[in-house]
């Protein structure tokens, strides 16, 4: 089975009935979602800024679901968690917008079920404008494992992860076993 390449914006814009996976027979023969079952995917975003303390990682709270096809997120309880409904391989995509500040570094990290964190992306601060970080990773999870996206910064003071518009968001997609 071959996964069709698509940008994050293309995936978010697809109607839920469109197949995302091609058959090995060729690129014109697509599976239907009815053949796949439910596509397990969630896209969450922030509707409020979240202040991060200097050199302290923090799980990011996601207050809005753009879509959630498999109960992978809850806005009210543990809204930092993206929960795996099935055992398998998942792709996690994250975009974080950090407030403007020319000092230190910005990071996107993640942890699985409260375990040790791992960095996906580390970027130096820039002198002009907000810092926009985009990172992806592919991880193996078992059913009920959860992923938390962690922000980290070293600006020598508190710094905000921004929300609104095309601001900070995360997507977790089940790819298969």
Protein backbone atom coordinates (compact mmCIF):
# COMPACT_ATOMS: atom_id res chain seq x y z
CA UNK A 1 0.00 0.00 0.00
CA UNK A 2 1.37 3.43 -0.92
CA UNK A 3 0.38 6.62 0.91
CA UNK A 4 -0.39 9.54 -1.39
CA UNK A 5 1.82 12.53 -0.65
CA UNK A 6 -0.09 15.64 0.42
CA UNK A 7 0.64 18.83 2.28
CA UNK A 8 -0.99 19.43 5.65
CA UNK A 9 -3.23 22.09 4.06
CA UNK A 10 -4.32 19.64 1.33
CA UNK A 11 -5.20 16.99 3.91
CA UNK A 12 -7.17 19.48 6.02
CA UNK A 13 -9.11 20.63 2.93
CA UNK A 14 -10.10 17.13 1.73
CA UNK A 15 -13.70 16.04 2.10
CA UNK A 16 -13.90 13.18 4.58
CA UNK A 17 -15.23 10.87 1.84
CA UNK A 18 -12.12 11.21 -0.32
CA UNK A 19 -9.62 8.37 -0.15
CA UNK A 20 -6.10 9.24 0.94
CA UNK A 21 -4.47 5.91 0.21
CA UNK A 22 -3.64 4.49 -3.23
CA UNK A 23 -3.69 0.82 -4.16
CA UNK A 24 -0.42 -0.79 -5.19
CA UNK A 25 -2.01 -1.28 -8.63
CA UNK A 26 -1.31 2.33 -9.48
CA UNK A 27 -1.90 5.97 -8.63
CA UNK A 28 -5.31 6.16 -10.34
CA UNK A 29 -6.89 3.34 -8.32
CA UNK A 30 -7.88 4.77 -4.93
CA UNK A 31 -9.43 2.98 -1.97
CA UNK A 32 -12.73 4.29 -0.67
CA UNK A 33 -13.05 5.21 2.99
CA UNK A 34 -15.65 2.46 3.32
CA UNK A 35 -12.84 0.01 2.48
CA UNK A 36 -10.54 1.62 5.02
CA UNK A 37 -13.04 2.05 7.82
CA UNK A 38 -13.03 5.33 9.73
CA UNK A 39 -10.00 7.51 9.13
CA UNK A 40 -8.63 8.28 12.59
CA UNK A 41 -7.46 11.89 12.46
CA UNK A 42 -7.69 14.89 14.74
CA UNK A 43 -6.79 18.57 14.18
CA UNK A 44 -6.70 20.86 17.22
CA UNK A 45 -5.74 24.48 17.69
CA UNK A 46 -5.36 27.14 20.34
CA UNK A 47 -7.89 29.92 20.97
CA UNK A 48 -5.82 31.59 23.70
CA UNK A 49 -2.17 32.44 24.11
CA UNK A 50 -0.21 30.24 26.51
CA UNK A 51 2.68 31.74 28.40
CA UNK A 52 5.75 29.51 28.70
CA UNK A 53 8.20 30.00 31.56
CA UNK A 54 11.86 30.33 30.54
CA UNK A 55 13.70 26.97 30.17
CA UNK A 56 10.68 24.96 31.35
CA UNK A 57 8.82 22.64 28.99
CA UNK A 58 5.05 22.80 29.15
CA UNK A 59 2.28 20.71 27.61
CA UNK A 60 0.22 22.85 25.26
CA UNK A 61 -3.54 23.08 25.80
CA UNK A 62 -5.73 22.75 22.68
CA UNK A 63 -9.13 24.41 23.11
CA UNK A 64 -10.66 23.93 19.64
CA UNK A 65 -11.11 20.86 17.46
CA UNK A 66 -11.29 21.51 13.72
CA UNK A 67 -12.20 17.84 13.34
CA UNK A 68 -11.90 14.64 15.36
CA UNK A 69 -13.10 11.46 13.68
CA UNK A 70 -12.21 8.97 16.42
CA UNK A 71 -12.55 10.67 19.83
CA UNK A 72 -8.82 11.41 19.97
CA UNK A 73 -9.15 14.71 21.88
CA UNK A 74 -11.38 16.18 24.58
CA UNK A 75 -11.72 19.98 24.88
CA UNK A 76 -12.78 19.80 28.53
CA UNK A 77 -10.75 16.98 30.14
CA UNK A 78 -6.99 16.60 29.58
CA UNK A 79 -7.08 18.97 26.59
CA UNK A 80 -3.30 18.66 26.18
CA UNK A 81 -3.68 15.03 25.04
CA UNK A 82 -4.08 13.46 21.61
CA UNK A 83 -5.12 9.86 22.28
CA UNK A 84 -4.44 6.87 20.01
CA UNK A 85 -7.66 4.88 19.46
CA UNK A 86 -5.78 1.95 17.85
CA UNK A 87 -2.38 0.29 18.05
CA UNK A 88 -0.26 1.39 15.11
CA UNK A 89 1.82 4.07 13.44
CA UNK A 90 0.79 7.73 13.74
CA UNK A 91 2.01 10.89 12.09
CA UNK A 92 2.03 14.01 14.26
CA UNK A 93 2.29 17.44 12.63
CA UNK A 94 2.68 20.60 14.69
CA UNK A 95 2.86 24.33 13.94
CA UNK A 96 3.72 26.66 16.81
CA UNK A 97 3.81 30.45 16.64
CA UNK A 98 6.03 31.96 19.32
CA UNK A 99 5.79 35.67 20.16
CA UNK A 100 8.55 37.91 18.81
CA UNK A 101 11.75 37.85 20.85
CA UNK A 102 15.36 37.85 19.60
CA UNK A 103 16.90 35.84 22.47
CA UNK A 104 17.47 32.11 22.87
CA UNK A 105 15.86 29.13 21.18
CA UNK A 106 12.36 27.80 20.53
CA UNK A 107 11.46 24.11 20.49
CA UNK A 108 8.69 21.70 19.63
CA UNK A 109 8.84 18.60 21.80
CA UNK A 110 6.48 15.71 22.47
CA UNK A 111 5.97 13.05 25.10
CA UNK A 112 4.10 9.75 25.01
CA UNK A 113 1.76 9.00 27.92
CA UNK A 114 3.64 11.34 30.27
CA UNK A 115 7.07 9.81 29.60
CA UNK A 116 10.32 11.57 28.78
CA UNK A 117 10.13 14.24 26.11
CA UNK A 118 11.83 14.21 22.73
CA UNK A 119 12.62 17.26 20.60
CA UNK A 120 11.22 17.35 17.09
CA UNK A 121 12.59 20.77 16.19
CA UNK A 122 14.97 23.30 17.73
CA UNK A 123 15.29 26.77 16.19
CA UNK A 124 17.28 29.85 17.11
CA UNK A 125 15.32 33.02 17.83
CA UNK A 126 15.24 35.68 15.12
CA UNK A 127 15.43 39.41 15.57
CA UNK A 128 12.34 40.23 13.51
CA UNK A 129 8.77 39.02 13.91
CA UNK A 130 7.18 35.97 15.43
CA UNK A 131 8.89 32.59 15.22
CA UNK A 132 6.86 30.02 13.28
CA UNK A 133 8.00 26.42 13.79
CA UNK A 134 6.61 23.46 11.82
CA UNK A 135 7.62 19.91 12.63
CA UNK A 136 6.46 16.36 11.93
CA UNK A 137 7.28 12.99 13.39
CA UNK A 138 6.08 9.43 12.97
CA UNK A 139 5.66 7.31 16.10
CA UNK A 140 4.36 3.88 17.14
CA UNK A 141 1.59 3.91 19.74
CA UNK A 142 -0.62 1.35 21.43
CA UNK A 143 -4.31 1.89 22.02
CA UNK A 144 -4.94 4.55 24.71
CA UNK A 145 -1.39 5.95 24.53
CA UNK A 146 -1.49 9.73 24.33
CA UNK A 147 0.80 12.31 22.81
CA UNK A 148 1.34 15.71 24.35
CA UNK A 149 2.95 18.52 22.37
CA UNK A 150 5.36 20.47 24.55
CA UNK A 151 6.60 23.99 24.05
CA UNK A 152 10.03 25.06 25.28
CA UNK A 153 11.87 28.36 24.99
CA UNK A 154 14.97 30.04 26.40
CA UNK A 155 14.35 33.77 26.00
CA UNK A 156 15.39 34.61 29.62
CA UNK A 157 11.75 35.45 30.45
CA UNK A 158 8.20 34.24 29.86
CA UNK A 159 7.18 33.94 26.20
CA UNK A 160 3.80 33.25 24.61
CA UNK A 161 2.73 30.54 22.18
CA UNK A 162 0.20 32.37 20.04
CA UNK A 163 -3.32 31.47 18.92
CA UNK A 164 -5.96 32.68 16.47
CA UNK A 165 -6.12 32.86 12.69
CA UNK A 166 -3.60 30.47 11.17
CA UNK A 167 -1.90 30.18 14.56
CA UNK A 168 -0.64 27.19 16.52
CA UNK A 169 -2.18 23.79 15.78
CA UNK A 170 -1.52 20.04 15.83
CA UNK A 171 -2.71 17.10 13.71
CA UNK A 172 -2.44 13.41 14.59
CA UNK A 173 -3.26 10.83 11.90
CA UNK A 174 -3.42 7.04 12.15
CA UNK A 175 -1.38 5.57 9.28
CA UNK A 176 -1.89 1.85 9.96
CA UNK A 177 -0.18 -1.03 11.75
